[in-house]
Amino acid sequence: AGDSLRLSCAATGRTFSSYAMGWFRQAPGKEREFVTAISRS
């Protein structure tokens, strides 16, 4: 607790800049939830 981490999401395939991206998370026994999102620009 109190530490930091940086997650990465590497994309391959079609033009990356065409995509809006999001991060979601799912804890044990819980539904998937929205964390953050970024527009394609």
All heavy atoms as atom14 arrays in JSON, in Angstrom:
{
  "sequence": "AGDSLRLSCAATGRTFSSYAMGWFRQAPGKEREFVTAISRS",
  "atom14_mask": [
    [1, 1, 1, 1, 1, 0, 0, 0, 0, 0, 0, 0, 0, 0],
    [1, 1, 1, 1, 0, 0, 0, 0, 0, 0, 0, 0, 0, 0],
    [1, 1, 1, 1, 1, 1, 1, 1, 0, 0, 0, 0, 0, 0],
    [1, 1, 1, 1, 1, 1, 0, 0, 0, 0, 0, 0, 0, 0],
    [1, 1, 1, 1, 1, 1, 1, 1, 0, 0, 0, 0, 0, 0],
    [1, 1, 1, 1, 1, 1, 1, 1, 1, 1, 1, 0, 0, 0],
    [1, 1, 1, 1, 1, 1, 1, 1, 0, 0, 0, 0, 0, 0],
    [1, 1, 1, 1, 1, 1, 0, 0, 0, 0, 0, 0, 0, 0],
    [1, 1, 1, 1, 1, 1, 0, 0, 0, 0, 0, 0, 0, 0],
    [1, 1, 1, 1, 1, 0, 0, 0, 0, 0, 0, 0, 0, 0],
    [1, 1, 1, 1, 1, 0, 0, 0, 0, 0, 0, 0, 0, 0],
    [1, 1, 1, 1, 1, 1, 1, 0, 0, 0, 0, 0, 0, 0],
    [1, 1, 1, 1, 0, 0, 0, 0, 0, 0, 0, 0, 0, 0],
    [1, 1, 1, 1, 1, 1, 1, 1, 1, 1, 1, 0, 0, 0],
    [1, 1, 1, 1, 1, 1, 1, 0, 0, 0, 0, 0, 0, 0],
    [1, 1, 1, 1, 1, 1, 1, 1, 1, 1, 1, 0, 0, 0],
    [1, 1, 1, 1, 1, 1, 0, 0, 0, 0, 0, 0, 0, 0],
    [1, 1, 1, 1, 1, 1, 0, 0, 0, 0, 0, 0, 0, 0],
    [1, 1, 1, 1, 1, 1, 1, 1, 1, 1, 1, 1, 0, 0],
    [1, 1, 1, 1, 1, 0, 0, 0, 0, 0, 0, 0, 0, 0],
    [1, 1, 1, 1, 1, 1, 1, 1, 0, 0, 0, 0, 0, 0],
    [1, 1, 1, 1, 0, 0, 0, 0, 0, 0, 0, 0, 0, 0],
    [1, 1, 1, 1, 1, 1, 1, 1, 1, 1, 1, 1, 1, 1],
    [1, 1, 1, 1, 1, 1, 1, 1, 1, 1, 1, 0, 0, 0],
    [1, 1, 1, 1, 1, 1, 1, 1, 1, 1, 1, 0, 0, 0],
    [1, 1, 1, 1, 1, 1, 1, 1, 1, 0, 0, 0, 0, 0],
    [1, 1, 1, 1, 1, 0, 0, 0, 0, 0, 0, 0, 0, 0],
    [1, 1, 1, 1, 1, 1, 1, 0, 0, 0, 0, 0, 0, 0],
    [1, 1, 1, 1, 0, 0, 0, 0, 0, 0, 0, 0, 0, 0],
    [1, 1, 1, 1, 1, 1, 1, 1, 1, 0, 0, 0, 0, 0],
    [1, 1, 1, 1, 1, 1, 1, 1, 1, 0, 0, 0, 0, 0],
    [1, 1, 1, 1, 1, 1, 1, 1, 1, 1, 1, 0, 0, 0],
    [1, 1, 1, 1, 1, 1, 1, 1, 1, 0, 0, 0, 0, 0],
    [1, 1, 1, 1, 1, 1, 1, 1, 1, 1, 1, 0, 0, 0],
    [1, 1, 1, 1, 1, 1, 1, 0, 0, 0, 0, 0, 0, 0],
    [1, 1, 1, 1, 1, 1, 1, 0, 0, 0, 0, 0, 0, 0],
    [1, 1, 1, 1, 1, 0, 0, 0, 0, 0, 0, 0, 0, 0],
    [1, 1, 1, 1, 1, 1, 1, 1, 0, 0, 0, 0, 0, 0],
    [1, 1, 1, 1, 1, 1, 0, 0, 0, 0, 0, 0, 0, 0],
    [1, 1, 1, 1, 1, 1, 1, 1, 1, 1, 1, 0, 0, 0],
    [1, 1, 1, 1, 1, 1, 0, 0, 0, 0, 0, 0, 0, 0]
  ],
  "atom14_positions": [
    [[0.84, -1.19, 0.0], [0.0, 0.0, 0.0], [0.88, 1.25, 0.0], [1.87, 1.31, 0.73], [-0.91, 0.0, 1.22], [0.0, 0.0, 0.0], [0.0, 0.0, 0.0], [0.0, 0.0, 0.0], [0.0, 0.0, 0.0], [0.0, 0.0, 0.0], [0.0, 0.0, 0.0], [0.0, 0.0, 0.0], [0.0, 0.0, 0.0], [0.0, 0.0, 0.0]],
    [[0.5, 2.2, -0.83], [1.27, 3.43, -0.96], [2.28, 3.43, -2.09], [2.79, 4.48, -2.48], [0.0, 0.0, 0.0], [0.0, 0.0, 0.0], [0.0, 0.0, 0.0], [0.0, 0.0, 0.0], [0.0, 0.0, 0.0], [0.0, 0.0, 0.0], [0.0, 0.0, 0.0], [0.0, 0.0, 0.0], [0.0, 0.0, 0.0], [0.0, 0.0, 0.0]],
    [[2.57, 2.25, -2.61], [3.53, 2.13, -3.72], [2.89, 2.55, -5.04], [1.69, 2.83, -5.12], [4.03, 0.69, -3.84], [5.02, 0.34, -2.74], [5.45, 1.25, -1.99], [5.36, -0.86, -2.62], [0.0, 0.0, 0.0], [0.0, 0.0, 0.0], [0.0, 0.0, 0.0], [0.0, 0.0, 0.0], [0.0, 0.0, 0.0], [0.0, 0.0, 0.0]],
    [[3.72, 2.55, -6.07], [3.29, 2.89, -7.42], [3.59, 1.75, -8.38], [4.52, 0.95, -8.16], [4.0, 4.16, -7.91], [3.68, 5.26, -7.1], [0.0, 0.0, 0.0], [0.0, 0.0, 0.0], [0.0, 0.0, 0.0], [0.0, 0.0, 0.0], [0.0, 0.0, 0.0], [0.0, 0.0, 0.0], [0.0, 0.0, 0.0], [0.0, 0.0, 0.0]],
    [[2.81, 1.69, -9.45], [3.03, 0.76, -10.55], [2.65, 1.46, -11.83], [1.76, 2.32, -11.83], [2.16, -0.49, -10.41], [2.67, -1.71, -9.66], [1.58, -2.79, -9.69], [3.96, -2.23, -10.21], [0.0, 0.0, 0.0], [0.0, 0.0, 0.0], [0.0, 0.0, 0.0], [0.0, 0.0, 0.0], [0.0, 0.0, 0.0], [0.0, 0.0, 0.0]],
    [[3.3, 1.08, -12.92], [2.88, 1.55, -14.22], [2.55, 0.36, -15.1], [3.4, -0.49, -15.36], [3.95, 2.41, -14.91], [3.42, 3.07, -16.17], [4.43, 3.97, -16.84], [5.44, 3.24, -17.59], [6.19, 3.78, -18.54], [6.05, 5.07, -18.84], [7.1, 3.06, -19.16], [0.0, 0.0, 0.0], [0.0, 0.0, 0.0], [0.0, 0.0, 0.0]],
    [[1.32, 0.31, -15.54], [0.88, -0.72, -16.47], [1.03, -0.22, -17.89], [0.86, 0.98, -18.16], [-0.57, -1.11, -16.22], [-0.93, -1.56, -14.81], [-2.41, -1.98, -14.76], [-0.04, -2.66, -14.32], [0.0, 0.0, 0.0], [0.0, 0.0, 0.0], [0.0, 0.0, 0.0], [0.0, 0.0, 0.0], [0.0, 0.0, 0.0], [0.0, 0.0, 0.0]],
    [[1.34, -1.14, -18.77], [1.44, -0.82, -20.19], [0.47, -1.68, -20.99], [0.19, -2.82, -20.62], [2.86, -1.08, -20.71], [3.79, -0.27, -20.04], [0.0, 0.0, 0.0], [0.0, 0.0, 0.0], [0.0, 0.0, 0.0], [0.0, 0.0, 0.0], [0.0, 0.0, 0.0], [0.0, 0.0, 0.0], [0.0, 0.0, 0.0], [0.0, 0.0, 0.0]],
    [[-0.02, -1.12, -22.06], [-0.91, -1.84, -22.97], [-0.35, -1.61, -24.37], [-0.49, -0.51, -24.93], [-2.32, -1.33, -22.86], [-3.45, -1.98, -24.11], [0.0, 0.0, 0.0], [0.0, 0.0, 0.0], [0.0, 0.0, 0.0], [0.0, 0.0, 0.0], [0.0, 0.0, 0.0], [0.0, 0.0, 0.0], [0.0, 0.0, 0.0], [0.0, 0.0, 0.0]],
    [[0.27, -2.63, -24.92], [0.86, -2.54, -26.25], [-0.14, -3.02, -27.29], [-0.76, -4.09, -27.13], [2.13, -3.37, -26.32], [0.0, 0.0, 0.0], [0.0, 0.0, 0.0], [0.0, 0.0, 0.0], [0.0, 0.0, 0.0], [0.0, 0.0, 0.0], [0.0, 0.0, 0.0], [0.0, 0.0, 0.0], [0.0, 0.0, 0.0], [0.0, 0.0, 0.0]],
    [[-0.29, -2.25, -28.34], [-1.27, -2.56, -29.39], [-0.59, -2.91, -30.7], [0.39, -2.28, -31.08], [-2.21, -1.39, -29.6], [0.0, 0.0, 0.0], [0.0, 0.0, 0.0], [0.0, 0.0, 0.0], [0.0, 0.0, 0.0], [0.0, 0.0, 0.0], [0.0, 0.0, 0.0], [0.0, 0.0, 0.0], [0.0, 0.0, 0.0], [0.0, 0.0, 0.0]],
    [[-1.1, -3.91, -31.36], [-0.61, -4.28, -32.68], [-1.82, -4.47, -33.59], [-2.94, -4.67, -33.14], [0.19, -5.6, -32.66], [-0.65, -6.65, -32.16], [1.4, -5.48, -31.76], [0.0, 0.0, 0.0], [0.0, 0.0, 0.0], [0.0, 0.0, 0.0], [0.0, 0.0, 0.0], [0.0, 0.0, 0.0], [0.0, 0.0, 0.0], [0.0, 0.0, 0.0]],
    [[-1.58, -4.39, -34.87], [-2.67, -4.55, -35.82], [-2.95, -3.24, -36.52], [-2.05, -2.58, -37.01], [0.0, 0.0, 0.0], [0.0, 0.0, 0.0], [0.0, 0.0, 0.0], [0.0, 0.0, 0.0], [0.0, 0.0, 0.0], [0.0, 0.0, 0.0], [0.0, 0.0, 0.0], [0.0, 0.0, 0.0], [0.0, 0.0, 0.0], [0.0, 0.0, 0.0]],
    [[-4.19, -2.84, -36.5], [-4.57, -1.62, -37.2], [-3.99, -0.38, -36.52], [-3.46, -0.45, -35.43], [-6.09, -1.54, -37.28], [-6.71, -2.64, -38.12], [-8.2, -2.45, -38.28], [-8.53, -1.18, -38.91], [-9.76, -0.77, -39.1], [-10.79, -1.51, -38.68], [-10.0, 0.39, -39.68], [0.0, 0.0, 0.0], [0.0, 0.0, 0.0], [0.0, 0.0, 0.0]],
    [[-4.11, 0.73, -37.17], [-3.5, 1.97, -36.71], [-3.94, 2.3, -35.29], [-5.11, 2.53, -35.02], [-3.88, 3.12, -37.65], [-3.53, 2.76, -38.98], [-3.15, 4.38, -37.24], [0.0, 0.0, 0.0], [0.0, 0.0, 0.0], [0.0, 0.0, 0.0], [0.0, 0.0, 0.0], [0.0, 0.0, 0.0], [0.0, 0.0, 0.0], [0.0, 0.0, 0.0]],
    [[-2.97, 2.34, -34.42], [-3.23, 2.57, -33.0], [-3.95, 3.88, -32.77], [-4.85, 3.97, -31.92], [-1.9, 2.53, -32.26], [-2.0, 2.88, -30.81], [-2.65, 2.04, -29.93], [-1.44, 4.05, -30.31], [-2.75, 2.34, -28.58], [-1.52, 4.35, -28.97], [-2.17, 3.5, -28.1], [0.0, 0.0, 0.0], [0.0, 0.0, 0.0], [0.0, 0.0, 0.0]],
    [[-3.58, 4.9, -33.52], [-4.16, 6.22, -33.3], [-5.64, 6.29, -33.67], [-6.29, 7.29, -33.4], [-3.38, 7.27, -34.1], [-3.41, 6.97, -35.48], [0.0, 0.0, 0.0], [0.0, 0.0, 0.0], [0.0, 0.0, 0.0], [0.0, 0.0, 0.0], [0.0, 0.0, 0.0], [0.0, 0.0, 0.0], [0.0, 0.0, 0.0], [0.0, 0.0, 0.0]],
    [[-6.16, 5.23, -34.27], [-7.58, 5.2, -34.62], [-8.45, 4.82, -33.44], [-9.67, 4.92, -33.51], [-7.84, 4.2, -35.75], [-7.11, 4.54, -36.92], [0.0, 0.0, 0.0], [0.0, 0.0, 0.0], [0.0, 0.0, 0.0], [0.0, 0.0, 0.0], [0.0, 0.0, 0.0], [0.0, 0.0, 0.0], [0.0, 0.0, 0.0], [0.0, 0.0, 0.0]],
    [[-7.85, 4.38, -32.37], [-8.58, 3.75, -31.27], [-8.66, 4.62, -30.03], [-7.67, 5.19, -29.58], [-7.93, 2.42, -30.9], [-8.17, 1.35, -31.92], [-7.37, 1.26, -33.05], [-9.21, 0.44, -31.77], [-7.6, 0.29, -34.01], [-9.45, -0.53, -32.72], [-8.64, -0.59, -33.83], [-8.88, -1.56, -34.78], [0.0, 0.0, 0.0], [0.0, 0.0, 0.0]],
    [[-9.86, 4.67, -29.47], [-10.02, 5.11, -28.1], [-9.68, 3.92, -27.2], [-9.97, 2.78, -27.56], [-11.45, 5.57, -27.84], [0.0, 0.0, 0.0], [0.0, 0.0, 0.0], [0.0, 0.0, 0.0], [0.0, 0.0, 0.0], [0.0, 0.0, 0.0], [0.0, 0.0, 0.0], [0.0, 0.0, 0.0], [0.0, 0.0, 0.0], [0.0, 0.0, 0.0]],
    [[-9.05, 4.19, -26.07], [-8.57, 3.11, -25.22], [-9.13, 3.26, -23.81], [-9.43, 4.37, -23.35], [-7.04, 3.15, -25.16], [-6.33, 3.09, -26.5], [-6.58, 1.54, -27.36], [-5.67, 0.43, -26.28], [0.0, 0.0, 0.0], [0.0, 0.0, 0.0], [0.0, 0.0, 0.0], [0.0, 0.0, 0.0], [0.0, 0.0, 0.0], [0.0, 0.0, 0.0]],
    [[-9.23, 2.13, -23.14], [-9.72, 2.16, -21.77], [-9.03, 1.11, -20.92], [-8.5, 0.13, -21.43], [0.0, 0.0, 0.0], [0.0, 0.0, 0.0], [0.0, 0.0, 0.0], [0.0, 0.0, 0.0], [0.0, 0.0, 0.0], [0.0, 0.0, 0.0], [0.0, 0.0, 0.0], [0.0, 0.0, 0.0], [0.0, 0.0, 0.0], [0.0, 0.0, 0.0]],
    [[-9.05, 1.35, -19.62], [-8.6, 0.37, -18.63], [-9.78, 0.01, -17.73], [-10.51, 0.91, -17.28], [-7.47, 0.94, -17.77], [-6.13, 1.01, -18.41], [-5.58, 2.11, -19.01], [-5.16, -0.03, -18.52], [-4.33, 1.81, -19.48], [-4.04, 0.49, -19.2], [-5.13, -1.36, -18.11], [-2.9, -0.26, -19.47], [-4.0, -2.11, -18.39], [-2.89, -1.57, -19.06]],
    [[-9.92, -1.26, -17.49], [-10.95, -1.78, -16.6], [-10.27, -2.72, -15.62], [-9.13, -3.15, -15.83], [-12.02, -2.53, -17.4], [-12.83, -1.64, -18.29], [-12.32, -1.18, -19.49], [-14.09, -1.23, -17.91], [-13.05, -0.33, -20.3], [-14.85, -0.39, -18.72], [-14.32, 0.07, -19.91], [0.0, 0.0, 0.0], [0.0, 0.0, 0.0], [0.0, 0.0, 0.0]],
    [[-10.97, -3.05, -14.56], [-10.4, -4.0, -13.61], [-11.51, -4.88, -13.04], [-12.67, -4.49, -13.01], [-9.66, -3.29, -12.48], [-10.53, -2.47, -11.56], [-9.67, -1.66, -10.58], [-10.47, -0.88, -9.66], [-9.96, -0.01, -8.79], [-8.65, 0.18, -8.73], [-10.75, 0.65, -7.97], [0.0, 0.0, 0.0], [0.0, 0.0, 0.0], [0.0, 0.0, 0.0]],
    [[-11.1, -6.05, -12.6], [-12.04, -6.98, -11.99], [-11.38, -7.65, -10.8], [-10.36, -8.32, -10.93], [-12.52, -8.03, -12.99], [-13.62, -8.9, -12.45], [-14.3, -9.71, -13.53], [-13.77, -9.93, -14.62], [-15.52, -10.18, -13.25], [0.0, 0.0, 0.0], [0.0, 0.0, 0.0], [0.0, 0.0, 0.0], [0.0, 0.0, 0.0], [0.0, 0.0, 0.0]],
    [[-11.96, -7.41, -9.64], [-11.5, -8.03, -8.41], [-12.24, -9.36, -8.2], [-13.33, -9.54, -8.73], [-11.74, -7.09, -7.24], [0.0, 0.0, 0.0], [0.0, 0.0, 0.0], [0.0, 0.0, 0.0], [0.0, 0.0, 0.0], [0.0, 0.0, 0.0], [0.0, 0.0, 0.0], [0.0, 0.0, 0.0], [0.0, 0.0, 0.0], [0.0, 0.0, 0.0]],
    [[-11.65, -10.26, -7.42], [-12.31, -11.56, -7.19], [-13.71, -11.37, -6.62], [-13.91, -10.62, -5.66], [-11.38, -12.23, -6.18], [-10.05, -11.61, -6.42], [-10.33, -10.19, -6.79], [0.0, 0.0, 0.0], [0.0, 0.0, 0.0], [0.0, 0.0, 0.0], [0.0, 0.0, 0.0], [0.0, 0.0, 0.0], [0.0, 0.0, 0.0], [0.0, 0.0, 0.0]],
    [[-14.66, -12.05, -7.22], [-16.03, -12.0, -6.75], [-16.79, -10.73, -7.09], [-17.92, -10.55, -6.64], [0.0, 0.0, 0.0], [0.0, 0.0, 0.0], [0.0, 0.0, 0.0], [0.0, 0.0, 0.0], [0.0, 0.0, 0.0], [0.0, 0.0, 0.0], [0.0, 0.0, 0.0], [0.0, 0.0, 0.0], [0.0, 0.0, 0.0], [0.0, 0.0, 0.0]],
    [[-16.16, -9.86, -7.87], [-16.81, -8.59, -8.23], [-16.94, -8.47, -9.73], [-16.25, -9.14, -10.49], [-16.03, -7.41, -7.65], [-16.0, -7.36, -6.14], [-15.36, -6.08, -5.65], [-15.39, -5.98, -4.13], [-14.79, -4.7, -3.65], [0.0, 0.0, 0.0], [0.0, 0.0, 0.0], [0.0, 0.0, 0.0], [0.0, 0.0, 0.0], [0.0, 0.0, 0.0]],
    [[-17.82, -7.56, -10.14], [-17.97, -7.32, -11.56], [-16.82, -6.44, -12.08], [-16.21, -5.69, -11.32], [-19.31, -6.64, -11.83], [-20.51, -7.52, -11.53], [-21.82, -6.85, -11.93], [-21.8, -5.67, -12.31], [-22.86, -7.52, -11.86], [0.0, 0.0, 0.0], [0.0, 0.0, 0.0], [0.0, 0.0, 0.0], [0.0, 0.0, 0.0], [0.0, 0.0, 0.0]],
    [[-16.61, -6.55, -13.36], [-15.63, -5.68, -14.0], [-16.07, -4.22, -13.87], [-17.26, -3.92, -14.03], [-15.49, -6.06, -15.46], [-14.46, -5.26, -16.25], [-14.44, -5.71, -17.69], [-15.71, -5.46, -18.34], [-16.08, -6.01, -19.5], [-15.27, -6.85, -20.11], [-17.26, -5.71, -20.03], [0.0, 0.0, 0.0], [0.0, 0.0, 0.0], [0.0, 0.0, 0.0]],
    [[-15.11, -3.35, -13.59], [-15.46, -1.95, -13.45], [-14.52, -1.06, -14.25], [-13.35, -1.39, -14.48], [-15.41, -1.52, -11.98], [-14.05, -1.59, -11.33], [-14.06, -1.03, -9.9], [-15.1, -0.59, -9.42], [-12.98, -1.06, -9.28], [0.0, 0.0, 0.0], [0.0, 0.0, 0.0], [0.0, 0.0, 0.0], [0.0, 0.0, 0.0], [0.0, 0.0, 0.0]],
    [[-15.06, 0.07, -14.65], [-14.3, 1.07, -15.38], [-13.25, 1.7, -14.48], [-13.53, 2.01, -13.32], [-15.26, 2.13, -15.91], [-14.58, 3.34, -16.48], [-14.06, 3.33, -17.76], [-14.49, 4.51, -15.73], [-13.45, 4.46, -18.29], [-13.89, 5.63, -16.24], [-13.35, 5.61, -17.52], [0.0, 0.0, 0.0], [0.0, 0.0, 0.0], [0.0, 0.0, 0.0]],
    [[-12.06, 1.93, -15.03], [-11.0, 2.62, -14.3], [-10.71, 3.96, -14.94], [-10.79, 5.0, -14.29], [-9.71, 1.76, -14.25], [-8.59, 2.54, -13.55], [-9.97, 0.44, -13.55], [0.0, 0.0, 0.0], [0.0, 0.0, 0.0], [0.0, 0.0, 0.0], [0.0, 0.0, 0.0], [0.0, 0.0, 0.0], [0.0, 0.0, 0.0], [0.0, 0.0, 0.0]],
    [[-10.37, 3.94, -16.22], [-10.01, 5.17, -16.9], [-10.06, 4.95, -18.41], [-10.02, 3.81, -18.88], [-8.62, 5.64, -16.48], [-8.29, 6.87, -17.17], [-7.55, 4.61, -16.83], [0.0, 0.0, 0.0], [0.0, 0.0, 0.0], [0.0, 0.0, 0.0], [0.0, 0.0, 0.0], [0.0, 0.0, 0.0], [0.0, 0.0, 0.0], [0.0, 0.0, 0.0]],
    [[-10.16, 6.04, -19.17], [-10.18, 5.96, -20.62], [-9.53, 7.19, -21.22], [-9.45, 8.24, -20.56], [-11.61, 5.82, -21.13], [0.0, 0.0, 0.0], [0.0, 0.0, 0.0], [0.0, 0.0, 0.0], [0.0, 0.0, 0.0], [0.0, 0.0, 0.0], [0.0, 0.0, 0.0], [0.0, 0.0, 0.0], [0.0, 0.0, 0.0], [0.0, 0.0, 0.0]],
    [[-9.09, 7.03, -22.46], [-8.44, 8.14, -23.17], [-8.92, 8.15, -24.61], [-9.12, 7.09, -25.22], [-6.9, 8.01, -23.07], [-6.21, 9.26, -23.59], [-6.41, 6.75, -23.78], [-4.72, 9.32, -23.23], [0.0, 0.0, 0.0], [0.0, 0.0, 0.0], [0.0, 0.0, 0.0], [0.0, 0.0, 0.0], [0.0, 0.0, 0.0], [0.0, 0.0, 0.0]],
    [[-9.12, 9.34, -25.15], [-9.57, 9.45, -26.52], [-8.43, 9.12, -27.48], [-7.27, 9.06, -27.1], [-10.08, 10.87, -26.79], [-9.03, 11.81, -26.64], [0.0, 0.0, 0.0], [0.0, 0.0, 0.0], [0.0, 0.0, 0.0], [0.0, 0.0, 0.0], [0.0, 0.0, 0.0], [0.0, 0.0, 0.0], [0.0, 0.0, 0.0], [0.0, 0.0, 0.0]],
    [[-8.78, 8.94, -28.74], [-7.74, 8.5, -29.68], [-6.69, 9.59, -29.91], [-5.54, 9.29, -30.23], [-8.35, 8.06, -31.0], [-9.01, 9.13, -31.83], [-9.58, 8.52, -33.09], [-10.07, 9.54, -34.01], [-10.68, 9.25, -35.15], [-10.88, 7.99, -35.49], [-11.09, 10.22, -35.95], [0.0, 0.0, 0.0], [0.0, 0.0, 0.0], [0.0, 0.0, 0.0]],
    [[-7.07, 10.84, -29.72], [-6.09, 11.93, -29.84], [-5.29, 12.11, -28.56], [-4.25, 12.77, -28.57], [-6.8, 13.23, -30.19], [-7.52, 13.69, -29.07], [0.0, 0.0, 0.0], [0.0, 0.0, 0.0], [0.0, 0.0, 0.0], [0.0, 0.0, 0.0], [0.0, 0.0, 0.0], [0.0, 0.0, 0.0], [0.0, 0.0, 0.0], [0.0, 0.0, 0.0]]
  ]
}
